[in-house]
Amino acid sequence: MNFSEQLVKWYLLNKRELPWRESSDPYNIWISEIILQQTRVNQGLAYYERFIHRFPDVISLSEANEDEVLKFWQGLGYYSRARNLHTTARIITSLHNGVFPVDYQTILKLKGIGEYTAAAICSFAYGLPYAVVDGNVFRVLSRFFGIQTPIDSNEGKKEFSELAQELLDKKNPGLHNQAIMDLGAIICTPTSPNCNECPLQNTCSSFANRSWMNFPIKKQKTKQRDRYFYYFYITGKNGKTYLHKREGKDIWRNLYELPLIETTQKLSEEELQKKSGFQLLETEFENVQIKKRHPAIKHVLSHQHIYARFLEVEAEYKKLENSFIFITPPHVYVSL
């Protein structure tokens, strides 16, 4: 058996049962693929089911307002994914009469859809011969063939894309793509791969050399930065607290959060009170008193470390800007 045949034979016996695999609807496949970007399957499953229940097709998603779409995305992070879904649904509705495009190049031009997602939709929904190349595929191919080219280089991306396309079963591209991704997710994992259960072990380069830990190779490490978030949980005589709508062009744009001062270094309480953000807080509220301090919570993302600290404050507002809203305390959510 060749590479693809071995993969598919293993997959048919060991595949994960997932709801989007039961559908050939490009809309369902699209939603699942966007959710699974930066999200584990076990976490994304419940979000997928809720999202599809509320927005069962392109039209219903396009007709919703952005705040509602973001609400159903709440907790998944990387909110630009939800905004791109919403924008693309409106594009499909206006330019394609609500019908999902059927060719690779048109799908690739849609906002928020790259080569991997376009290949996934085309192969899973339409049976078109486009190989997917994601983290799982990079890992499987680099280990199996012992590829030394860094996956984050232009040469690497080209080499892996061409190799994946060459290995693809053109008659059953969707099955092949699902199989190689599942092998990477279940067997050929980033750490502690279960090589003894791998259907490719007899011809795998890194299994023979016991060198799986060296692959895939990366040219450069992801640069990380530290961010310090000081959130103010403000309560007043009305028994409510306040949320502020986040502005600017970062990934949390248009989401509501507790009033915040962000810095690039850790501050003492005295230093914090000298920041312009705290002084601005005092122009909006009066009798500002910090009543309780909570320890910082560390939140690790691929490119940044966030240290979030919550300060409980008593104060009364002088005026309420349009960017602030009242809420009842039990419904406070902080998006990180």
C-alpha atoms as a PDB file:
ATOM      1  CA  MET A   1       0.000   0.000   0.000  1.00  0.00           C
ATOM      2  CA  ASN A   2       1.151   3.533  -0.707  1.00  0.00           C
ATOM      3  CA  PHE A   3       1.286   6.454   1.749  1.00  0.00           C
ATOM      4  CA  SER A   4      -2.330   7.543   1.234  1.00  0.00           C
ATOM      5  CA  GLU A   5      -3.772   4.025   1.309  1.00  0.00           C
ATOM      6  CA  GLN A   6      -2.107   3.292   4.651  1.00  0.00           C
ATOM      7  CA  LEU A   7      -3.395   6.574   6.083  1.00  0.00           C
ATOM      8  CA  VAL A   8      -6.965   6.028   4.951  1.00  0.00           C
ATOM      9  CA  LYS A   9      -7.060   2.406   6.143  1.00  0.00           C
ATOM     10  CA  TRP A  10      -5.975   3.564   9.605  1.00  0.00           C
ATOM     11  CA  TYR A  11      -8.386   6.498   9.552  1.00  0.00           C
ATOM     12  CA  LEU A  12     -11.472   4.436   8.751  1.00  0.00           C
ATOM     13  CA  LEU A  13     -10.818   2.371  11.875  1.00  0.00           C
ATOM     14  CA  ASN A  14      -9.746   5.176  14.210  1.00  0.00           C
ATOM     15  CA  LYS A  15     -11.300   8.449  13.047  1.00  0.00           C
ATOM     16  CA  ARG A  16     -12.827  10.921  15.472  1.00  0.00           C
ATOM     17  CA  GLU A  17     -16.597  11.192  15.170  1.00  0.00           C
ATOM     18  CA  LEU A  18     -17.292  14.897  14.648  1.00  0.00           C
ATOM     19  CA  PRO A  19     -20.591  16.510  13.565  1.00  0.00           C
ATOM     20  CA  TRP A  20     -19.151  18.548  10.676  1.00  0.00           C
ATOM     21  CA  ARG A  21     -17.811  15.346   9.145  1.00  0.00           C
ATOM     22  CA  GLU A  22     -21.376  14.153   8.727  1.00  0.00           C
ATOM     23  CA  SER A  23     -22.098  17.053   6.387  1.00  0.00           C
ATOM     24  CA  SER A  24     -20.924  18.016   2.918  1.00  0.00           C
ATOM     25  CA  ASP A  25     -22.421  21.485   3.334  1.00  0.00           C
ATOM     26  CA  PRO A  26     -19.591  23.979   2.656  1.00  0.00           C
ATOM     27  CA  TYR A  27     -21.116  26.394   5.180  1.00  0.00           C
ATOM     28  CA  ASN A  28     -20.887  23.877   8.047  1.00  0.00           C
ATOM     29  CA  ILE A  29     -17.363  22.905   7.026  1.00  0.00           C
ATOM     30  CA  TRP A  30     -16.328  26.554   6.803  1.00  0.00           C
ATOM     31  CA  ILE A  31     -17.671  27.340  10.286  1.00  0.00           C
ATOM     32  CA  SER A  32     -15.956  24.299  11.812  1.00  0.00           C
ATOM     33  CA  GLU A  33     -12.606  25.101  10.206  1.00  0.00           C
ATOM     34  CA  ILE A  34     -12.643  28.712  11.383  1.00  0.00           C
ATOM     35  CA  ILE A  35     -13.596  27.663  14.930  1.00  0.00           C
ATOM     36  CA  LEU A  36     -10.799  25.076  15.009  1.00  0.00           C
ATOM     37  CA  GLN A  37      -8.169  27.675  14.149  1.00  0.00           C
ATOM     38  CA  GLN A  38      -6.348  28.292  17.445  1.00  0.00           C
ATOM     39  CA  THR A  39      -8.948  26.117  19.246  1.00  0.00           C
ATOM     40  CA  ARG A  40      -8.826  22.482  20.351  1.00  0.00           C
ATOM     41  CA  VAL A  41     -11.521  20.151  19.031  1.00  0.00           C
ATOM     42  CA  ASN A  42     -12.957  19.302  22.460  1.00  0.00           C
ATOM     43  CA  GLN A  43     -13.383  23.002  23.229  1.00  0.00           C
ATOM     44  CA  GLY A  44     -14.609  24.005  19.771  1.00  0.00           C
ATOM     45  CA  LEU A  45     -17.274  21.293  19.520  1.00  0.00           C
ATOM     46  CA  ALA A  46     -19.794  22.968  21.842  1.00  0.00           C
ATOM     47  CA  TYR A  47     -19.197  26.353  20.210  1.00  0.00           C
ATOM     48  CA  TYR A  48     -19.785  24.842  16.779  1.00  0.00           C
ATOM     49  CA  GLU A  49     -23.092  23.303  17.815  1.00  0.00           C
ATOM     50  CA  ARG A  50     -24.349  26.543  19.394  1.00  0.00           C
ATOM     51  CA  PHE A  51     -23.184  28.639  16.466  1.00  0.00           C
ATOM     52  CA  ILE A  52     -24.809  26.395  13.839  1.00  0.00           C
ATOM     53  CA  HIS A  53     -28.027  26.230  15.864  1.00  0.00           C
ATOM     54  CA  ARG A  54     -28.286  30.033  15.958  1.00  0.00           C
ATOM     55  CA  PHE A  55     -26.860  30.679  12.468  1.00  0.00           C
ATOM     56  CA  PRO A  56     -27.776  27.595  10.395  1.00  0.00           C
ATOM     57  CA  ASP A  57     -26.847  29.103   7.038  1.00  0.00           C
ATOM     58  CA  VAL A  58     -25.091  31.983   5.310  1.00  0.00           C
ATOM     59  CA  ILE A  59     -28.236  34.115   5.167  1.00  0.00           C
ATOM     60  CA  SER A  60     -28.963  33.941   8.899  1.00  0.00           C
ATOM     61  CA  LEU A  61     -25.347  34.801   9.713  1.00  0.00           C
ATOM     62  CA  SER A  62     -25.317  37.730   7.298  1.00  0.00           C
ATOM     63  CA  GLU A  63     -28.530  39.165   8.753  1.00  0.00           C
ATOM     64  CA  ALA A  64     -27.269  39.118  12.363  1.00  0.00           C
ATOM     65  CA  ASN A  65     -25.569  42.130  13.902  1.00  0.00           C
ATOM     66  CA  GLU A  66     -21.913  41.968  14.864  1.00  0.00           C
ATOM     67  CA  ASP A  67     -22.560  42.177  18.607  1.00  0.00           C
ATOM     68  CA  GLU A  68     -24.664  39.006  18.500  1.00  0.00           C
ATOM     69  CA  VAL A  69     -22.062  37.133  16.434  1.00  0.00           C
ATOM     70  CA  LEU A  70     -19.362  38.156  18.907  1.00  0.00           C
ATOM     71  CA  LYS A  71     -21.600  37.037  21.776  1.00  0.00           C
ATOM     72  CA  PHE A  72     -21.799  33.511  20.342  1.00  0.00           C
ATOM     73  CA  TRP A  73     -18.017  33.595  19.880  1.00  0.00           C
ATOM     74  CA  GLN A  74     -17.367  34.755  23.443  1.00  0.00           C
ATOM     75  CA  GLY A  75     -14.683  32.663  25.109  1.00  0.00           C
ATOM     76  CA  LEU A  76     -13.050  31.375  21.919  1.00  0.00           C
ATOM     77  CA  GLY A  77     -10.694  34.335  21.587  1.00  0.00           C
ATOM     78  CA  TYR A  78      -9.117  35.676  18.394  1.00  0.00           C
ATOM     79  CA  TYR A  79     -12.294  37.609  17.691  1.00  0.00           C
ATOM     80  CA  SER A  80     -11.180  38.708  14.235  1.00  0.00           C
ATOM     81  CA  ARG A  81     -12.247  35.194  13.172  1.00  0.00           C
ATOM     82  CA  ALA A  82     -15.851  35.957  14.105  1.00  0.00           C
ATOM     83  CA  ARG A  83     -15.760  39.362  12.412  1.00  0.00           C
ATOM     84  CA  ASN A  84     -14.372  37.785   9.246  1.00  0.00           C
ATOM     85  CA  LEU A  85     -17.093  35.118   9.302  1.00  0.00           C
ATOM     86  CA  HIS A  86     -19.723  37.828   9.558  1.00  0.00           C
ATOM     87  CA  THR A  87     -18.189  39.937   6.787  1.00  0.00           C
ATOM     88  CA  THR A  88     -17.778  36.945   4.486  1.00  0.00           C
ATOM     89  CA  ALA A  89     -21.370  35.820   5.063  1.00  0.00           C
ATOM     90  CA  ARG A  90     -22.530  39.252   3.918  1.00  0.00           C
ATOM     91  CA  ILE A  91     -20.254  39.110   0.875  1.00  0.00           C
ATOM     92  CA  ILE A  92     -21.608  35.682  -0.110  1.00  0.00           C
ATOM     93  CA  THR A  93     -25.160  36.920   0.380  1.00  0.00           C
ATOM     94  CA  SER A  94     -24.684  40.038  -1.714  1.00  0.00           C
ATOM     95  CA  LEU A  95     -22.367  38.736  -4.453  1.00  0.00           C
ATOM     96  CA  HIS A  96     -23.353  35.048  -4.665  1.00  0.00           C
ATOM     97  CA  ASN A  97     -27.061  35.159  -3.698  1.00  0.00           C
ATOM     98  CA  GLY A  98     -26.325  33.386  -0.429  1.00  0.00           C
ATOM     99  CA  VAL A  99     -24.828  30.351  -2.178  1.00  0.00           C
ATOM    100  CA  PHE A 100     -21.338  29.312  -1.077  1.00  0.00           C
ATOM    101  CA  PRO A 101     -18.830  29.474  -3.980  1.00  0.00           C
ATOM    102  CA  VAL A 102     -17.800  26.173  -5.520  1.00  0.00           C
ATOM    103  CA  ASP A 103     -14.304  26.867  -6.850  1.00  0.00           C
ATOM    104  CA  TYR A 104     -11.016  27.194  -4.992  1.00  0.00           C
ATOM    105  CA  GLN A 105      -9.885  30.596  -6.271  1.00  0.00           C
ATOM    106  CA  THR A 106     -13.189  32.297  -5.466  1.00  0.00           C
ATOM    107  CA  ILE A 107     -13.259  30.775  -1.983  1.00  0.00           C
ATOM    108  CA  LEU A 108      -9.639  31.829  -1.421  1.00  0.00           C
ATOM    109  CA  LYS A 109     -10.562  35.477  -2.074  1.00  0.00           C
ATOM    110  CA  LEU A 110     -13.101  35.526   0.767  1.00  0.00           C
ATOM    111  CA  LYS A 111     -12.112  37.393   3.917  1.00  0.00           C
ATOM    112  CA  GLY A 112     -10.549  35.232   6.615  1.00  0.00           C
ATOM    113  CA  ILE A 113     -10.020  32.229   4.325  1.00  0.00           C
ATOM    114  CA  GLY A 114      -6.465  31.177   3.510  1.00  0.00           C
ATOM    115  CA  GLU A 115      -5.030  28.320   1.477  1.00  0.00           C
ATOM    116  CA  TYR A 116      -5.597  25.698   4.184  1.00  0.00           C
ATOM    117  CA  THR A 117      -9.262  26.592   4.785  1.00  0.00           C
ATOM    118  CA  ALA A 118      -9.996  26.881   1.070  1.00  0.00           C
ATOM    119  CA  ALA A 119      -8.452  23.444   0.479  1.00  0.00           C
ATOM    120  CA  ALA A 120     -10.437  21.953   3.372  1.00  0.00           C
ATOM    121  CA  ILE A 121     -13.759  23.330   2.089  1.00  0.00           C
ATOM    122  CA  CYS A 122     -13.069  22.289  -1.502  1.00  0.00           C
ATOM    123  CA  SER A 123     -11.950  18.757  -0.649  1.00  0.00           C
ATOM    124  CA  PHE A 124     -14.508  18.012   2.076  1.00  0.00           C
ATOM    125  CA  ALA A 125     -17.547  19.633   0.455  1.00  0.00           C
ATOM    126  CA  TYR A 126     -16.874  19.230  -3.264  1.00  0.00           C
ATOM    127  CA  GLY A 127     -14.293  16.432  -3.534  1.00  0.00           C
ATOM    128  CA  LEU A 128     -11.842  18.718  -5.311  1.00  0.00           C
ATOM    129  CA  PRO A 129      -8.144  17.676  -5.299  1.00  0.00           C
ATOM    130  CA  TYR A 130      -6.587  20.248  -2.972  1.00  0.00           C
ATOM    131  CA  ALA A 131      -4.268  19.093  -0.185  1.00  0.00           C
ATOM    132  CA  VAL A 132      -4.563  20.693   3.244  1.00  0.00           C
ATOM    133  CA  VAL A 133      -1.376  21.811   4.962  1.00  0.00           C
ATOM    134  CA  ASP A 134      -1.803  22.685   8.639  1.00  0.00           C
ATOM    135  CA  GLY A 135       0.282  22.087  11.766  1.00  0.00           C
ATOM    136  CA  ASN A 136      -0.631  18.399  11.821  1.00  0.00           C
ATOM    137  CA  VAL A 137       0.384  17.926   8.193  1.00  0.00           C
ATOM    138  CA  PHE A 138       3.677  19.788   8.661  1.00  0.00           C
ATOM    139  CA  ARG A 139       4.476  17.524  11.596  1.00  0.00           C
ATOM    140  CA  VAL A 140       3.561  14.220   9.918  1.00  0.00           C
ATOM    141  CA  LEU A 141       5.364  14.953   6.664  1.00  0.00           C
ATOM    142  CA  SER A 142       8.472  16.450   8.258  1.00  0.00           C
ATOM    143  CA  ARG A 143       8.890  13.432  10.546  1.00  0.00           C
ATOM    144  CA  PHE A 144       8.025  10.815   7.938  1.00  0.00           C
ATOM    145  CA  PHE A 145      10.432  12.176   5.318  1.00  0.00           C
ATOM    146  CA  GLY A 146      12.974  13.731   7.714  1.00  0.00           C
ATOM    147  CA  ILE A 147      12.620  17.129   6.035  1.00  0.00           C
ATOM    148  CA  GLN A 148      15.215  19.649   7.192  1.00  0.00           C
ATOM    149  CA  THR A 149      13.645  22.719   5.565  1.00  0.00           C
ATOM    150  CA  PRO A 150      12.125  25.068   8.189  1.00  0.00           C
ATOM    151  CA  ILE A 151       8.344  25.110   7.993  1.00  0.00           C
ATOM    152  CA  ASP A 152       8.232  28.867   8.675  1.00  0.00           C
ATOM    153  CA  SER A 153      10.397  29.706   5.650  1.00  0.00           C
ATOM    154  CA  ASN A 154       9.107  30.474   2.150  1.00  0.00           C
ATOM    155  CA  GLU A 155      11.068  27.495   0.851  1.00  0.00           C
ATOM    156  CA  GLY A 156       9.516  25.254   3.477  1.00  0.00           C
ATOM    157  CA  LYS A 157       5.962  26.347   2.787  1.00  0.00           C
ATOM    158  CA  LYS A 158       6.466  25.716  -0.925  1.00  0.00           C
ATOM    159  CA  GLU A 159       8.160  22.343  -0.387  1.00  0.00           C
ATOM    160  CA  PHE A 160       5.502  21.031   2.004  1.00  0.00           C
ATOM    161  CA  SER A 161       2.620  22.281  -0.142  1.00  0.00           C
ATOM    162  CA  GLU A 162       4.020  20.575  -3.234  1.00  0.00           C
ATOM    163  CA  LEU A 163       4.736  17.351  -1.335  1.00  0.00           C
ATOM    164  CA  ALA A 164       1.258  17.273   0.238  1.00  0.00           C
ATOM    165  CA  GLN A 165      -0.299  17.795  -3.184  1.00  0.00           C
ATOM    166  CA  GLU A 166       1.852  15.051  -4.703  1.00  0.00           C
ATOM    167  CA  LEU A 167       0.831  12.540  -1.993  1.00  0.00           C
ATOM    168  CA  LEU A 168      -2.867  13.441  -2.161  1.00  0.00           C
ATOM    169  CA  ASP A 169      -5.289  10.766  -3.339  1.00  0.00           C
ATOM    170  CA  LYS A 170      -6.933  12.728  -6.151  1.00  0.00           C
ATOM    171  CA  LYS A 171      -9.928  10.382  -6.218  1.00  0.00           C
ATOM    172  CA  ASN A 172     -10.656  10.724  -2.482  1.00  0.00           C
ATOM    173  CA  PRO A 173      -9.049  14.023  -1.439  1.00  0.00           C
ATOM    174  CA  GLY A 174     -11.404  14.693   1.465  1.00  0.00           C
ATOM    175  CA  LEU A 175     -10.783  11.279   2.993  1.00  0.00           C
ATOM    176  CA  HIS A 176      -7.026  11.616   2.569  1.00  0.00           C
ATOM    177  CA  ASN A 177      -6.988  15.105   4.121  1.00  0.00           C
ATOM    178  CA  GLN A 178      -9.052  14.038   7.114  1.00  0.00           C
ATOM    179  CA  ALA A 179      -6.814  11.014   7.579  1.00  0.00           C
ATOM    180  CA  ILE A 180      -3.503  12.868   7.675  1.00  0.00           C
ATOM    181  CA  MET A 181      -4.901  15.527  10.024  1.00  0.00           C
ATOM    182  CA  ASP A 182      -6.290  12.904  12.396  1.00  0.00           C
ATOM    183  CA  LEU A 183      -3.003  11.024  12.372  1.00  0.00           C
ATOM    184  CA  GLY A 184      -1.252  14.217  13.461  1.00  0.00           C
ATOM    185  CA  ALA A 185      -3.852  14.953  16.120  1.00  0.00           C
ATOM    186  CA  ILE A 186      -4.133  11.431  17.571  1.00  0.00           C
ATOM    187  CA  ILE A 187      -0.832   9.627  16.885  1.00  0.00           C
ATOM    188  CA  CYS A 188       1.887  11.971  15.616  1.00  0.00           C
ATOM    189  CA  THR A 189       1.383  14.538  18.374  1.00  0.00           C
ATOM    190  CA  PRO A 190       3.814  17.395  19.121  1.00  0.00           C
ATOM    191  CA  THR A 191       5.116  15.686  22.251  1.00  0.00           C
ATOM    192  CA  SER A 192       5.122  11.971  23.154  1.00  0.00           C
ATOM    193  CA  PRO A 193       3.845  10.633  19.812  1.00  0.00           C
ATOM    194  CA  ASN A 194       2.420   7.123  19.916  1.00  0.00           C
ATOM    195  CA  CYS A 195       4.759   5.737  17.256  1.00  0.00           C
ATOM    196  CA  ASN A 196       3.988   2.111  18.087  1.00  0.00           C
ATOM    197  CA  GLU A 197       0.393   2.639  16.898  1.00  0.00           C
ATOM    198  CA  CYS A 198       1.335   4.551  13.754  1.00  0.00           C
ATOM    199  CA  PRO A 199       0.442   2.870  10.445  1.00  0.00           C
ATOM    200  CA  LEU A 200       3.457   4.554   8.808  1.00  0.00           C
ATOM    201  CA  GLN A 201       6.133   3.501  11.313  1.00  0.00           C
ATOM    202  CA  ASN A 202       7.822   0.934   9.061  1.00  0.00           C
ATOM    203  CA  THR A 203       8.739   3.568   6.479  1.00  0.00           C
ATOM    204  CA  CYS A 204       8.990   6.625   8.749  1.00  0.00           C
ATOM    205  CA  SER A 205      12.412   8.296   8.772  1.00  0.00           C
ATOM    206  CA  SER A 206      12.217   9.754  12.282  1.00  0.00           C
ATOM    207  CA  PHE A 207      10.895   6.469  13.740  1.00  0.00           C
ATOM    208  CA  ALA A 208      13.858   4.616  12.309  1.00  0.00           C
ATOM    209  CA  ASN A 209      16.282   7.211  13.661  1.00  0.00           C
ATOM    210  CA  ARG A 210      14.405   7.923  16.906  1.00  0.00           C
ATOM    211  CA  SER A 211      14.536  11.591  15.925  1.00  0.00           C
ATOM    212  CA  TRP A 212      10.868  12.624  15.992  1.00  0.00           C
ATOM    213  CA  MET A 213      11.586  15.321  18.597  1.00  0.00           C
ATOM    214  CA  ASN A 214      13.691  17.213  16.054  1.00  0.00           C
ATOM    215  CA  PHE A 215      10.783  17.769  13.656  1.00  0.00           C
ATOM    216  CA  PRO A 216       9.318  19.935  12.344  1.00  0.00           C
ATOM    217  CA  ILE A 217      12.154  22.438  12.123  1.00  0.00           C
ATOM    218  CA  LYS A 218      11.480  26.136  12.608  1.00  0.00           C
ATOM    219  CA  LYS A 219      13.738  28.958  11.507  1.00  0.00           C
ATOM    220  CA  GLN A 220      12.809  31.344  14.268  1.00  0.00           C
ATOM    221  CA  LYS A 221      10.997  31.303  17.575  1.00  0.00           C
ATOM    222  CA  THR A 222       7.798  33.275  18.091  1.00  0.00           C
ATOM    223  CA  LYS A 223       8.546  36.574  19.765  1.00  0.00           C
ATOM    224  CA  GLN A 224       6.520  37.089  22.910  1.00  0.00           C
ATOM    225  CA  ARG A 225       5.732  40.259  24.769  1.00  0.00           C
ATOM    226  CA  ASP A 226       4.397  40.962  28.239  1.00  0.00           C
ATOM    227  CA  ARG A 227       1.231  43.011  28.752  1.00  0.00           C
ATOM    228  CA  TYR A 228      -0.127  44.114  32.123  1.00  0.00           C
ATOM    229  CA  PHE A 229      -3.878  44.674  32.414  1.00  0.00           C
ATOM    230  CA  TYR A 230      -5.264  46.490  35.467  1.00  0.00           C
ATOM    231  CA  TYR A 231      -9.043  46.086  35.519  1.00  0.00           C
ATOM    232  CA  PHE A 232     -11.308  48.192  37.729  1.00  0.00           C
ATOM    233  CA  TYR A 233     -14.443  46.547  39.038  1.00  0.00           C
ATOM    234  CA  ILE A 234     -16.406  49.651  40.031  1.00  0.00           C
ATOM    235  CA  THR A 235     -19.487  49.489  42.238  1.00  0.00           C
ATOM    236  CA  GLY A 236     -21.686  52.400  43.255  1.00  0.00           C
ATOM    237  CA  LYS A 237     -24.837  53.138  45.213  1.00  0.00           C
ATOM    238  CA  ASN A 238     -27.004  51.879  42.362  1.00  0.00           C
ATOM    239  CA  GLY A 239     -25.672  48.341  42.885  1.00  0.00           C
ATOM    240  CA  LYS A 240     -24.411  48.146  39.319  1.00  0.00           C
ATOM    241  CA  THR A 241     -20.991  48.202  37.740  1.00  0.00           C
ATOM    242  CA  TYR A 242     -19.648  49.558  34.495  1.00  0.00           C
ATOM    243  CA  LEU A 243     -18.294  48.145  31.269  1.00  0.00           C
ATOM    244  CA  HIS A 244     -16.371  50.048  28.647  1.00  0.00           C
ATOM    245  CA  LYS A 245     -16.438  49.291  24.913  1.00  0.00           C
ATOM    246  CA  ARG A 246     -12.937  48.561  23.696  1.00  0.00           C
ATOM    247  CA  GLU A 247     -11.853  50.720  20.785  1.00  0.00           C
ATOM    248  CA  GLY A 248      -8.809  50.693  18.549  1.00  0.00           C
ATOM    249  CA  LYS A 249      -7.836  48.033  16.041  1.00  0.00           C
ATOM    250  CA  ASP A 250      -6.678  45.128  18.185  1.00  0.00           C
ATOM    251  CA  ILE A 251      -8.202  41.643  18.337  1.00  0.00           C
ATOM    252  CA  TRP A 252     -10.699  42.646  21.056  1.00  0.00           C
ATOM    253  CA  ARG A 253     -12.112  45.650  19.201  1.00  0.00           C
ATOM    254  CA  ASN A 254     -15.784  46.413  19.974  1.00  0.00           C
ATOM    255  CA  LEU A 255     -15.896  43.991  22.919  1.00  0.00           C
ATOM    256  CA  TYR A 256     -16.996  45.195  26.345  1.00  0.00           C
ATOM    257  CA  GLU A 257     -14.680  44.948  29.315  1.00  0.00           C
ATOM    258  CA  LEU A 258     -14.179  46.418  32.763  1.00  0.00           C
ATOM    259  CA  PRO A 259     -12.449  49.821  32.694  1.00  0.00           C
ATOM    260  CA  LEU A 260      -8.799  49.063  32.022  1.00  0.00           C
ATOM    261  CA  ILE A 261      -5.319  50.523  32.262  1.00  0.00           C
ATOM    262  CA  GLU A 262      -2.793  48.616  30.151  1.00  0.00           C
ATOM    263  CA  THR A 263       0.979  48.903  30.613  1.00  0.00           C
ATOM    264  CA  THR A 264       4.108  47.202  29.327  1.00  0.00           C
ATOM    265  CA  GLN A 265       5.543  46.665  32.796  1.00  0.00           C
ATOM    266  CA  LYS A 266       4.332  45.783  36.262  1.00  0.00           C
ATOM    267  CA  LEU A 267       3.278  48.802  38.345  1.00  0.00           C
ATOM    268  CA  SER A 268       2.849  49.414  42.044  1.00  0.00           C
ATOM    269  CA  GLU A 269      -0.486  50.822  43.162  1.00  0.00           C
ATOM    270  CA  GLU A 270       1.120  54.227  43.641  1.00  0.00           C
ATOM    271  CA  GLU A 271       2.552  54.145  40.117  1.00  0.00           C
ATOM    272  CA  LEU A 272      -0.790  53.008  38.748  1.00  0.00           C
ATOM    273  CA  GLN A 273      -2.606  55.965  40.305  1.00  0.00           C
ATOM    274  CA  LYS A 274      -0.230  58.350  38.528  1.00  0.00           C
ATOM    275  CA  LYS A 275      -1.096  56.927  35.088  1.00  0.00           C
ATOM    276  CA  SER A 276      -3.198  59.079  32.791  1.00  0.00           C
ATOM    277  CA  GLY A 277      -5.783  56.296  32.601  1.00  0.00           C
ATOM    278  CA  PHE A 278      -6.389  56.452  36.341  1.00  0.00           C
ATOM    279  CA  GLN A 279      -6.614  60.245  36.236  1.00  0.00           C
ATOM    280  CA  LEU A 280      -9.141  59.940  33.405  1.00  0.00           C
ATOM    281  CA  LEU A 281     -11.116  57.526  35.590  1.00  0.00           C
ATOM    282  CA  GLU A 282     -11.251  60.204  38.275  1.00  0.00           C
ATOM    283  CA  THR A 283     -12.712  62.702  35.785  1.00  0.00           C
ATOM    284  CA  GLU A 284     -15.587  60.291  35.074  1.00  0.00           C
ATOM    285  CA  PHE A 285     -16.124  59.156  38.676  1.00  0.00           C
ATOM    286  CA  GLU A 286     -15.864  60.780  42.081  1.00  0.00           C
ATOM    287  CA  ASN A 287     -14.838  59.445  45.497  1.00  0.00           C
ATOM    288  CA  VAL A 288     -12.739  56.741  43.843  1.00  0.00           C
ATOM    289  CA  GLN A 289     -11.495  54.317  46.485  1.00  0.00           C
ATOM    290  CA  ILE A 290      -9.718  51.007  45.917  1.00  0.00           C
ATOM    291  CA  LYS A 291     -11.292  48.562  48.380  1.00  0.00           C
ATOM    292  CA  LYS A 292      -9.825  45.201  47.382  1.00  0.00           C
ATOM    293  CA  ARG A 293      -6.857  43.997  45.364  1.00  0.00           C
ATOM    294  CA  HIS A 294      -6.706  40.605  43.682  1.00  0.00           C
ATOM    295  CA  PRO A 295      -3.477  38.780  42.709  1.00  0.00           C
ATOM    296  CA  ALA A 296      -2.482  38.910  39.069  1.00  0.00           C
ATOM    297  CA  ILE A 297      -3.679  36.124  36.769  1.00  0.00           C
ATOM    298  CA  LYS A 298      -1.310  35.019  34.020  1.00  0.00           C
ATOM    299  CA  HIS A 299      -2.834  34.230  30.635  1.00  0.00           C
ATOM    300  CA  VAL A 300      -0.472  32.702  28.055  1.00  0.00           C
ATOM    301  CA  LEU A 301      -1.011  33.177  24.328  1.00  0.00           C
ATOM    302  CA  SER A 302       1.292  32.136  21.514  1.00  0.00           C
ATOM    303  CA  HIS A 303       2.726  35.615  21.066  1.00  0.00           C
ATOM    304  CA  GLN A 304       2.121  37.303  24.391  1.00  0.00           C
ATOM    305  CA  HIS A 305       1.796  36.871  28.144  1.00  0.00           C
ATOM    306  CA  ILE A 306      -1.026  38.803  29.773  1.00  0.00           C
ATOM    307  CA  TYR A 307      -0.920  39.562  33.492  1.00  0.00           C
ATOM    308  CA  ALA A 308      -4.421  40.606  34.508  1.00  0.00           C
ATOM    309  CA  ARG A 309      -5.063  42.126  37.917  1.00  0.00           C
ATOM    310  CA  PHE A 310      -8.487  43.115  39.254  1.00  0.00           C
ATOM    311  CA  LEU A 311      -9.052  45.996  41.630  1.00  0.00           C
ATOM    312  CA  GLU A 312     -12.415  46.404  43.327  1.00  0.00           C
ATOM    313  CA  VAL A 313     -13.329  50.080  43.486  1.00  0.00           C
ATOM    314  CA  GLU A 314     -16.109  52.101  45.078  1.00  0.00           C
ATOM    315  CA  ALA A 315     -17.041  55.253  43.170  1.00  0.00           C
ATOM    316  CA  GLU A 316     -19.950  57.301  41.850  1.00  0.00           C
ATOM    317  CA  TYR A 317     -20.047  58.410  38.249  1.00  0.00           C
ATOM    318  CA  LYS A 318     -20.250  62.075  37.330  1.00  0.00           C
ATOM    319  CA  LYS A 319     -21.224  61.512  33.721  1.00  0.00           C
ATOM    320  CA  LEU A 320     -21.583  58.414  31.596  1.00  0.00           C
ATOM    321  CA  GLU A 321     -20.017  58.435  28.146  1.00  0.00           C
ATOM    322  CA  ASN A 322     -21.479  56.469  25.243  1.00  0.00           C
ATOM    323  CA  SER A 323     -18.642  53.961  25.540  1.00  0.00           C
ATOM    324  CA  PHE A 324     -19.750  52.953  29.070  1.00  0.00           C
ATOM    325  CA  ILE A 325     -22.738  50.794  29.953  1.00  0.00           C
ATOM    326  CA  PHE A 326     -24.357  49.751  33.238  1.00  0.00           C
ATOM    327  CA  ILE A 327     -24.594  46.053  34.039  1.00  0.00           C
ATOM    328  CA  THR A 328     -25.660  43.971  37.012  1.00  0.00           C
ATOM    329  CA  PRO A 329     -22.513  42.515  38.702  1.00  0.00           C
ATOM    330  CA  PRO A 330     -23.331  38.773  38.275  1.00  0.00           C
ATOM    331  CA  HIS A 331     -23.060  39.236  34.516  1.00  0.00           C
ATOM    332  CA  VAL A 332     -19.531  40.625  34.452  1.00  0.00           C
ATOM    333  CA  TYR A 333     -17.306  38.953  31.881  1.00  0.00           C
ATOM    334  CA  VAL A 334     -13.738  39.857  31.057  1.00  0.00           C
ATOM    335  CA  SER A 335     -12.494  38.877  27.607  1.00  0.00           C
ATOM    336  CA  LEU A 336      -8.908  37.678  27.505  1.00  0.00           C
END
